[in-house]
Amino acid sequence: MREPLREVDEITGKIIGAAIEVHKHLGPGLLESAYQACLAHEMALRNIQFEREKVVPLVYKQLPVESAYRADFIVENLVVVELKSVKQFEAIHQAQLMSYLKLANLKLGLLLNFNVRRLKAGGIKRVALNL
């Protein structure tokens, strides 16, 4: 059995590789939905297991709030991936991802901003919850 952190590192590496491939072909400037569709296709080509637009359950004082939040991707039931196409990451983007991690009871997420010249230069942010 693989060590949990090593497995998560391998998965995030695969996700980032798929995202770089999409960005290499499309470049910046498109809508988030276009990158999401292409990243889903690229991850499927690479046999990466994921759920797209996954509903993240919210329960407030025993009141289920249905379809309150949707994560762009839950990958391998371990990593939340949120896509952006913005000038730069803002604190609210990280806060949103942290909320998704808490609600989904997962420990690691990736913020991917496709509206940059190079994805590796400012377009990837790894967010950990209690790791």
N, C-alpha and C. Protein backbone atom coordinates (compact mmCIF):
# COMPACT_ATOMS: atom_id res chain seq x y z
N MET A 1 0.83 -1.19 0.00
CA MET A 1 0.00 0.00 0.00
C MET A 1 0.88 1.25 0.00
N ARG A 2 0.49 2.23 -0.82
CA ARG A 2 1.27 3.45 -0.90
C ARG A 2 1.00 4.35 0.30
N GLU A 3 1.99 5.14 0.64
CA GLU A 3 1.80 6.11 1.71
C GLU A 3 0.79 7.15 1.23
N PRO A 4 -0.14 7.58 2.11
CA PRO A 4 -1.18 8.52 1.69
C PRO A 4 -0.64 9.81 1.09
N LEU A 5 0.39 10.42 1.69
CA LEU A 5 0.90 11.69 1.15
C LEU A 5 1.56 11.48 -0.20
N ARG A 6 2.25 10.38 -0.36
CA ARG A 6 2.90 10.09 -1.64
C ARG A 6 1.86 9.90 -2.73
N GLU A 7 0.76 9.21 -2.40
CA GLU A 7 -0.32 8.99 -3.37
C GLU A 7 -0.94 10.32 -3.79
N VAL A 8 -1.19 11.20 -2.83
CA VAL A 8 -1.77 12.51 -3.13
C VAL A 8 -0.80 13.33 -3.99
N ASP A 9 0.48 13.26 -3.67
CA ASP A 9 1.49 13.97 -4.49
C ASP A 9 1.50 13.46 -5.92
N GLU A 10 1.39 12.16 -6.11
CA GLU A 10 1.35 11.58 -7.45
C GLU A 10 0.11 12.07 -8.21
N ILE A 11 -1.02 12.08 -7.53
CA ILE A 11 -2.26 12.51 -8.17
C ILE A 11 -2.19 13.99 -8.53
N THR A 12 -1.71 14.82 -7.62
CA THR A 12 -1.63 16.25 -7.95
C THR A 12 -0.66 16.48 -9.10
N GLY A 13 0.40 15.70 -9.16
CA GLY A 13 1.33 15.81 -10.29
C GLY A 13 0.64 15.48 -11.61
N LYS A 14 -0.18 14.45 -11.62
CA LYS A 14 -0.92 14.08 -12.82
C LYS A 14 -1.93 15.16 -13.22
N ILE A 15 -2.61 15.72 -12.23
CA ILE A 15 -3.59 16.78 -12.51
C ILE A 15 -2.88 17.99 -13.11
N ILE A 16 -1.77 18.38 -12.49
CA ILE A 16 -1.02 19.54 -12.98
C ILE A 16 -0.51 19.28 -14.40
N GLY A 17 -0.02 18.08 -14.66
CA GLY A 17 0.43 17.73 -16.00
C GLY A 17 -0.69 17.86 -17.03
N ALA A 18 -1.88 17.39 -16.67
CA ALA A 18 -3.04 17.50 -17.56
C ALA A 18 -3.41 18.97 -17.78
N ALA A 19 -3.37 19.76 -16.72
CA ALA A 19 -3.71 21.18 -16.83
C ALA A 19 -2.70 21.93 -17.70
N ILE A 20 -1.43 21.59 -17.56
CA ILE A 20 -0.39 22.22 -18.38
C ILE A 20 -0.61 21.88 -19.85
N GLU A 21 -0.99 20.65 -20.13
CA GLU A 21 -1.27 20.25 -21.52
C GLU A 21 -2.43 21.06 -22.10
N VAL A 22 -3.48 21.24 -21.33
CA VAL A 22 -4.63 22.04 -21.78
C VAL A 22 -4.19 23.47 -22.03
N HIS A 23 -3.46 24.04 -21.07
CA HIS A 23 -3.03 25.43 -21.19
C HIS A 23 -2.09 25.62 -22.37
N LYS A 24 -1.23 24.64 -22.61
CA LYS A 24 -0.29 24.71 -23.74
C LYS A 24 -1.06 24.81 -25.06
N HIS A 25 -2.17 24.10 -25.17
CA HIS A 25 -2.95 24.10 -26.40
C HIS A 25 -3.90 25.29 -26.53
N LEU A 26 -4.45 25.74 -25.41
CA LEU A 26 -5.47 26.80 -25.47
C LEU A 26 -4.94 28.18 -25.13
N GLY A 27 -3.94 28.25 -24.27
CA GLY A 27 -3.44 29.55 -23.82
C GLY A 27 -4.44 30.23 -22.90
N PRO A 28 -4.14 31.47 -22.48
CA PRO A 28 -5.03 32.21 -21.59
C PRO A 28 -6.16 32.90 -22.37
N GLY A 29 -7.14 33.40 -21.62
CA GLY A 29 -8.15 34.26 -22.22
C GLY A 29 -9.51 33.65 -22.49
N LEU A 30 -9.69 32.37 -22.22
CA LEU A 30 -10.99 31.74 -22.45
C LEU A 30 -11.81 31.70 -21.16
N LEU A 31 -13.05 31.32 -21.29
CA LEU A 31 -13.91 31.17 -20.12
C LEU A 31 -13.51 29.93 -19.33
N GLU A 32 -13.76 29.99 -18.03
CA GLU A 32 -13.48 28.87 -17.14
C GLU A 32 -14.14 27.58 -17.63
N SER A 33 -15.35 27.68 -18.14
CA SER A 33 -16.08 26.49 -18.60
C SER A 33 -15.36 25.78 -19.75
N ALA A 34 -14.68 26.51 -20.61
CA ALA A 34 -13.93 25.89 -21.69
C ALA A 34 -12.76 25.10 -21.14
N TYR A 35 -12.04 25.68 -20.19
CA TYR A 35 -10.92 24.98 -19.58
C TYR A 35 -11.41 23.75 -18.81
N GLN A 36 -12.56 23.87 -18.17
CA GLN A 36 -13.10 22.74 -17.41
C GLN A 36 -13.41 21.56 -18.34
N ALA A 37 -14.06 21.83 -19.45
CA ALA A 37 -14.39 20.76 -20.40
C ALA A 37 -13.12 20.11 -20.95
N CYS A 38 -12.14 20.93 -21.28
CA CYS A 38 -10.90 20.39 -21.85
C CYS A 38 -10.08 19.63 -20.80
N LEU A 39 -10.06 20.12 -19.57
CA LEU A 39 -9.33 19.42 -18.52
C LEU A 39 -10.00 18.09 -18.22
N ALA A 40 -11.33 18.04 -18.23
CA ALA A 40 -12.03 16.77 -18.03
C ALA A 40 -11.63 15.78 -19.11
N HIS A 41 -11.58 16.24 -20.34
CA HIS A 41 -11.19 15.36 -21.45
C HIS A 41 -9.74 14.88 -21.29
N GLU A 42 -8.86 15.80 -20.93
CA GLU A 42 -7.44 15.45 -20.78
C GLU A 42 -7.25 14.46 -19.62
N MET A 43 -7.95 14.65 -18.52
CA MET A 43 -7.81 13.70 -17.41
C MET A 43 -8.38 12.34 -17.79
N ALA A 44 -9.47 12.32 -18.54
CA ALA A 44 -10.03 11.04 -19.00
C ALA A 44 -9.04 10.32 -19.91
N LEU A 45 -8.38 11.06 -20.79
CA LEU A 45 -7.37 10.47 -21.66
C LEU A 45 -6.22 9.84 -20.87
N ARG A 46 -5.95 10.42 -19.71
CA ARG A 46 -4.84 9.94 -18.87
C ARG A 46 -5.32 8.95 -17.81
N ASN A 47 -6.57 8.51 -17.91
CA ASN A 47 -7.15 7.55 -16.95
C ASN A 47 -7.11 8.03 -15.51
N ILE A 48 -7.30 9.34 -15.33
CA ILE A 48 -7.40 9.92 -14.00
C ILE A 48 -8.89 9.90 -13.63
N GLN A 49 -9.22 9.29 -12.50
CA GLN A 49 -10.61 9.19 -12.07
C GLN A 49 -11.05 10.52 -11.44
N PHE A 50 -12.21 11.02 -11.88
CA PHE A 50 -12.69 12.30 -11.35
C PHE A 50 -14.20 12.37 -11.44
N GLU A 51 -14.74 13.27 -10.64
CA GLU A 51 -16.15 13.65 -10.74
C GLU A 51 -16.17 15.14 -11.04
N ARG A 52 -16.94 15.52 -12.04
CA ARG A 52 -17.01 16.91 -12.48
C ARG A 52 -18.28 17.55 -11.93
N GLU A 53 -18.16 18.82 -11.51
CA GLU A 53 -19.30 19.57 -10.96
C GLU A 53 -19.94 18.79 -9.81
N LYS A 54 -19.10 18.25 -8.95
CA LYS A 54 -19.54 17.42 -7.83
C LYS A 54 -20.21 18.30 -6.76
N VAL A 55 -21.42 17.93 -6.40
CA VAL A 55 -22.12 18.63 -5.33
C VAL A 55 -21.40 18.35 -4.02
N VAL A 56 -21.08 19.41 -3.31
CA VAL A 56 -20.45 19.30 -2.00
C VAL A 56 -21.54 19.58 -0.97
N PRO A 57 -21.90 18.58 -0.16
CA PRO A 57 -23.03 18.75 0.75
C PRO A 57 -22.75 19.77 1.85
N LEU A 58 -23.79 20.51 2.18
CA LEU A 58 -23.73 21.48 3.27
C LEU A 58 -24.87 21.17 4.22
N VAL A 59 -24.52 21.01 5.50
CA VAL A 59 -25.54 20.79 6.52
C VAL A 59 -25.35 21.87 7.57
N TYR A 60 -26.41 22.62 7.79
CA TYR A 60 -26.39 23.69 8.78
C TYR A 60 -27.35 23.32 9.90
N LYS A 61 -26.82 23.04 11.10
CA LYS A 61 -27.65 22.67 12.26
C LYS A 61 -28.70 21.63 11.89
N GLN A 62 -28.24 20.55 11.32
CA GLN A 62 -29.03 19.42 10.86
C GLN A 62 -29.95 19.73 9.67
N LEU A 63 -29.81 20.89 9.07
CA LEU A 63 -30.60 21.24 7.89
C LEU A 63 -29.74 21.03 6.65
N PRO A 64 -30.07 20.02 5.84
CA PRO A 64 -29.31 19.85 4.59
C PRO A 64 -29.66 20.96 3.61
N VAL A 65 -28.64 21.63 3.10
CA VAL A 65 -28.83 22.68 2.10
C VAL A 65 -28.44 22.04 0.78
N GLU A 66 -29.44 21.70 -0.02
CA GLU A 66 -29.21 20.93 -1.24
C GLU A 66 -28.56 21.77 -2.33
N SER A 67 -27.63 21.14 -3.02
CA SER A 67 -26.93 21.75 -4.15
C SER A 67 -26.38 23.13 -3.83
N ALA A 68 -25.91 23.29 -2.62
CA ALA A 68 -25.39 24.59 -2.21
C ALA A 68 -24.08 24.92 -2.93
N TYR A 69 -23.24 23.92 -3.06
CA TYR A 69 -21.93 24.16 -3.66
C TYR A 69 -21.57 23.03 -4.61
N ARG A 70 -20.84 23.37 -5.66
CA ARG A 70 -20.34 22.38 -6.61
C ARG A 70 -18.85 22.61 -6.81
N ALA A 71 -18.08 21.58 -6.54
CA ALA A 71 -16.64 21.64 -6.80
C ALA A 71 -16.43 21.34 -8.28
N ASP A 72 -15.51 22.05 -8.90
CA ASP A 72 -15.24 21.80 -10.32
C ASP A 72 -14.88 20.34 -10.54
N PHE A 73 -13.95 19.82 -9.73
CA PHE A 73 -13.56 18.42 -9.82
C PHE A 73 -13.23 17.87 -8.44
N ILE A 74 -13.60 16.63 -8.21
CA ILE A 74 -13.06 15.83 -7.11
C ILE A 74 -12.29 14.72 -7.82
N VAL A 75 -10.98 14.66 -7.59
CA VAL A 75 -10.13 13.72 -8.32
C VAL A 75 -9.69 12.58 -7.39
N GLU A 76 -9.92 11.36 -7.87
CA GLU A 76 -9.53 10.15 -7.15
C GLU A 76 -10.05 10.13 -5.71
N ASN A 77 -11.15 10.82 -5.46
CA ASN A 77 -11.74 10.94 -4.11
C ASN A 77 -10.75 11.47 -3.08
N LEU A 78 -9.76 12.24 -3.56
CA LEU A 78 -8.72 12.76 -2.66
C LEU A 78 -8.45 14.25 -2.80
N VAL A 79 -8.62 14.79 -3.99
CA VAL A 79 -8.19 16.16 -4.27
C VAL A 79 -9.34 16.96 -4.87
N VAL A 80 -9.59 18.14 -4.31
CA VAL A 80 -10.56 19.08 -4.88
C VAL A 80 -9.79 19.99 -5.83
N VAL A 81 -10.30 20.14 -7.05
CA VAL A 81 -9.66 21.02 -8.04
C VAL A 81 -10.65 22.10 -8.43
N GLU A 82 -10.24 23.34 -8.24
CA GLU A 82 -11.06 24.49 -8.61
C GLU A 82 -10.34 25.27 -9.69
N LEU A 83 -11.06 25.55 -10.77
CA LEU A 83 -10.50 26.28 -11.89
C LEU A 83 -10.91 27.74 -11.85
N LYS A 84 -10.01 28.57 -12.29
CA LYS A 84 -10.27 30.00 -12.41
C LYS A 84 -9.71 30.48 -13.74
N SER A 85 -10.27 31.58 -14.22
CA SER A 85 -9.73 32.29 -15.36
C SER A 85 -9.80 33.77 -15.01
N VAL A 86 -8.88 34.18 -14.13
CA VAL A 86 -8.89 35.52 -13.54
C VAL A 86 -7.52 36.16 -13.69
N LYS A 87 -7.46 37.47 -13.47
CA LYS A 87 -6.19 38.19 -13.58
C LYS A 87 -5.16 37.64 -12.61
N GLN A 88 -5.60 37.37 -11.37
CA GLN A 88 -4.73 36.79 -10.36
C GLN A 88 -5.58 36.16 -9.28
N PHE A 89 -4.99 35.24 -8.53
CA PHE A 89 -5.71 34.65 -7.41
C PHE A 89 -5.99 35.71 -6.37
N GLU A 90 -7.16 35.61 -5.76
CA GLU A 90 -7.54 36.48 -4.66
C GLU A 90 -7.71 35.62 -3.42
N ALA A 91 -7.72 36.23 -2.25
CA ALA A 91 -7.89 35.49 -1.00
C ALA A 91 -9.20 34.71 -0.99
N ILE A 92 -10.24 35.24 -1.61
CA ILE A 92 -11.53 34.57 -1.64
C ILE A 92 -11.47 33.23 -2.37
N HIS A 93 -10.60 33.11 -3.36
CA HIS A 93 -10.47 31.85 -4.09
C HIS A 93 -9.94 30.75 -3.17
N GLN A 94 -8.93 31.08 -2.39
CA GLN A 94 -8.39 30.11 -1.44
C GLN A 94 -9.42 29.80 -0.36
N ALA A 95 -10.15 30.82 0.11
CA ALA A 95 -11.18 30.60 1.13
C ALA A 95 -12.27 29.66 0.60
N GLN A 96 -12.66 29.85 -0.65
CA GLN A 96 -13.66 28.98 -1.27
C GLN A 96 -13.16 27.54 -1.29
N LEU A 97 -11.93 27.34 -1.71
CA LEU A 97 -11.37 26.00 -1.78
C LEU A 97 -11.27 25.38 -0.39
N MET A 98 -10.87 26.16 0.59
CA MET A 98 -10.81 25.65 1.97
C MET A 98 -12.19 25.20 2.44
N SER A 99 -13.22 25.97 2.10
CA SER A 99 -14.58 25.58 2.47
C SER A 99 -14.97 24.27 1.80
N TYR A 100 -14.65 24.12 0.53
CA TYR A 100 -14.95 22.88 -0.18
C TYR A 100 -14.23 21.70 0.46
N LEU A 101 -12.98 21.90 0.85
CA LEU A 101 -12.22 20.83 1.49
C LEU A 101 -12.89 20.41 2.80
N LYS A 102 -13.29 21.38 3.60
CA LYS A 102 -13.95 21.07 4.87
C LYS A 102 -15.26 20.33 4.64
N LEU A 103 -16.08 20.84 3.73
CA LEU A 103 -17.39 20.24 3.48
C LEU A 103 -17.27 18.84 2.87
N ALA A 104 -16.26 18.63 2.04
CA ALA A 104 -16.07 17.32 1.40
C ALA A 104 -15.24 16.38 2.26
N ASN A 105 -14.72 16.88 3.38
CA ASN A 105 -13.88 16.10 4.28
C ASN A 105 -12.64 15.56 3.56
N LEU A 106 -12.01 16.44 2.79
CA LEU A 106 -10.78 16.12 2.08
C LEU A 106 -9.67 17.04 2.60
N LYS A 107 -8.44 16.67 2.31
CA LYS A 107 -7.30 17.38 2.88
C LYS A 107 -6.53 18.26 1.91
N LEU A 108 -6.68 18.04 0.61
CA LEU A 108 -5.82 18.77 -0.33
C LEU A 108 -6.62 19.26 -1.53
N GLY A 109 -6.30 20.47 -1.95
CA GLY A 109 -6.94 21.04 -3.13
C GLY A 109 -5.94 21.76 -4.00
N LEU A 110 -6.33 21.93 -5.26
CA LEU A 110 -5.54 22.70 -6.21
C LEU A 110 -6.40 23.81 -6.79
N LEU A 111 -5.87 25.02 -6.79
CA LEU A 111 -6.46 26.13 -7.53
C LEU A 111 -5.65 26.26 -8.81
N LEU A 112 -6.33 26.26 -9.93
CA LEU A 112 -5.66 26.38 -11.22
C LEU A 112 -6.22 27.60 -11.95
N ASN A 113 -5.36 28.58 -12.21
CA ASN A 113 -5.76 29.78 -12.92
C ASN A 113 -5.21 29.73 -14.34
N PHE A 114 -6.11 29.58 -15.30
CA PHE A 114 -5.70 29.45 -16.70
C PHE A 114 -5.48 30.79 -17.39
N ASN A 115 -5.75 31.90 -16.71
CA ASN A 115 -5.60 33.21 -17.34
C ASN A 115 -4.23 33.81 -17.02
N VAL A 116 -3.19 33.00 -17.25
CA VAL A 116 -1.81 33.42 -17.04
C VAL A 116 -1.00 33.03 -18.26
N ARG A 117 0.17 33.66 -18.41
CA ARG A 117 1.03 33.32 -19.57
C ARG A 117 1.57 31.91 -19.48
N ARG A 118 2.03 31.54 -18.29
CA ARG A 118 2.54 30.18 -18.04
C ARG A 118 1.88 29.65 -16.78
N LEU A 119 1.28 28.50 -16.88
CA LEU A 119 0.56 27.92 -15.74
C LEU A 119 1.49 27.72 -14.55
N LYS A 120 2.72 27.28 -14.82
CA LYS A 120 3.67 27.03 -13.73
C LYS A 120 4.11 28.31 -13.04
N ALA A 121 3.95 29.44 -13.69
CA ALA A 121 4.39 30.73 -13.13
C ALA A 121 3.20 31.51 -12.60
N GLY A 122 2.64 31.06 -11.50
CA GLY A 122 1.57 31.81 -10.85
C GLY A 122 0.17 31.29 -11.09
N GLY A 123 0.03 30.21 -11.82
CA GLY A 123 -1.31 29.69 -12.11
C GLY A 123 -1.69 28.46 -11.32
N ILE A 124 -0.81 28.02 -10.42
CA ILE A 124 -1.08 26.82 -9.63
C ILE A 124 -0.89 27.15 -8.16
N LYS A 125 -1.90 26.83 -7.36
CA LYS A 125 -1.79 27.02 -5.91
C LYS A 125 -2.29 25.76 -5.23
N ARG A 126 -1.44 25.17 -4.43
CA ARG A 126 -1.78 23.97 -3.68
C ARG A 126 -2.26 24.41 -2.30
N VAL A 127 -3.42 23.91 -1.89
CA VAL A 127 -4.01 24.30 -0.61
C VAL A 127 -4.24 23.05 0.22
N ALA A 128 -3.66 23.03 1.43
CA ALA A 128 -3.78 21.87 2.32
C ALA A 128 -4.62 22.23 3.52
N LEU A 129 -5.43 21.30 3.94
CA LEU A 129 -6.26 21.45 5.14
C LEU A 129 -5.75 20.47 6.18
N ASN A 130 -5.10 20.99 7.22
CA ASN A 130 -4.61 20.18 8.33
C ASN A 130 -3.69 19.05 7.91
N LEU A 131 -2.77 19.32 7.02
CA LEU A 131 -1.79 18.29 6.64
C LEU A 131 -0.48 18.55 7.36
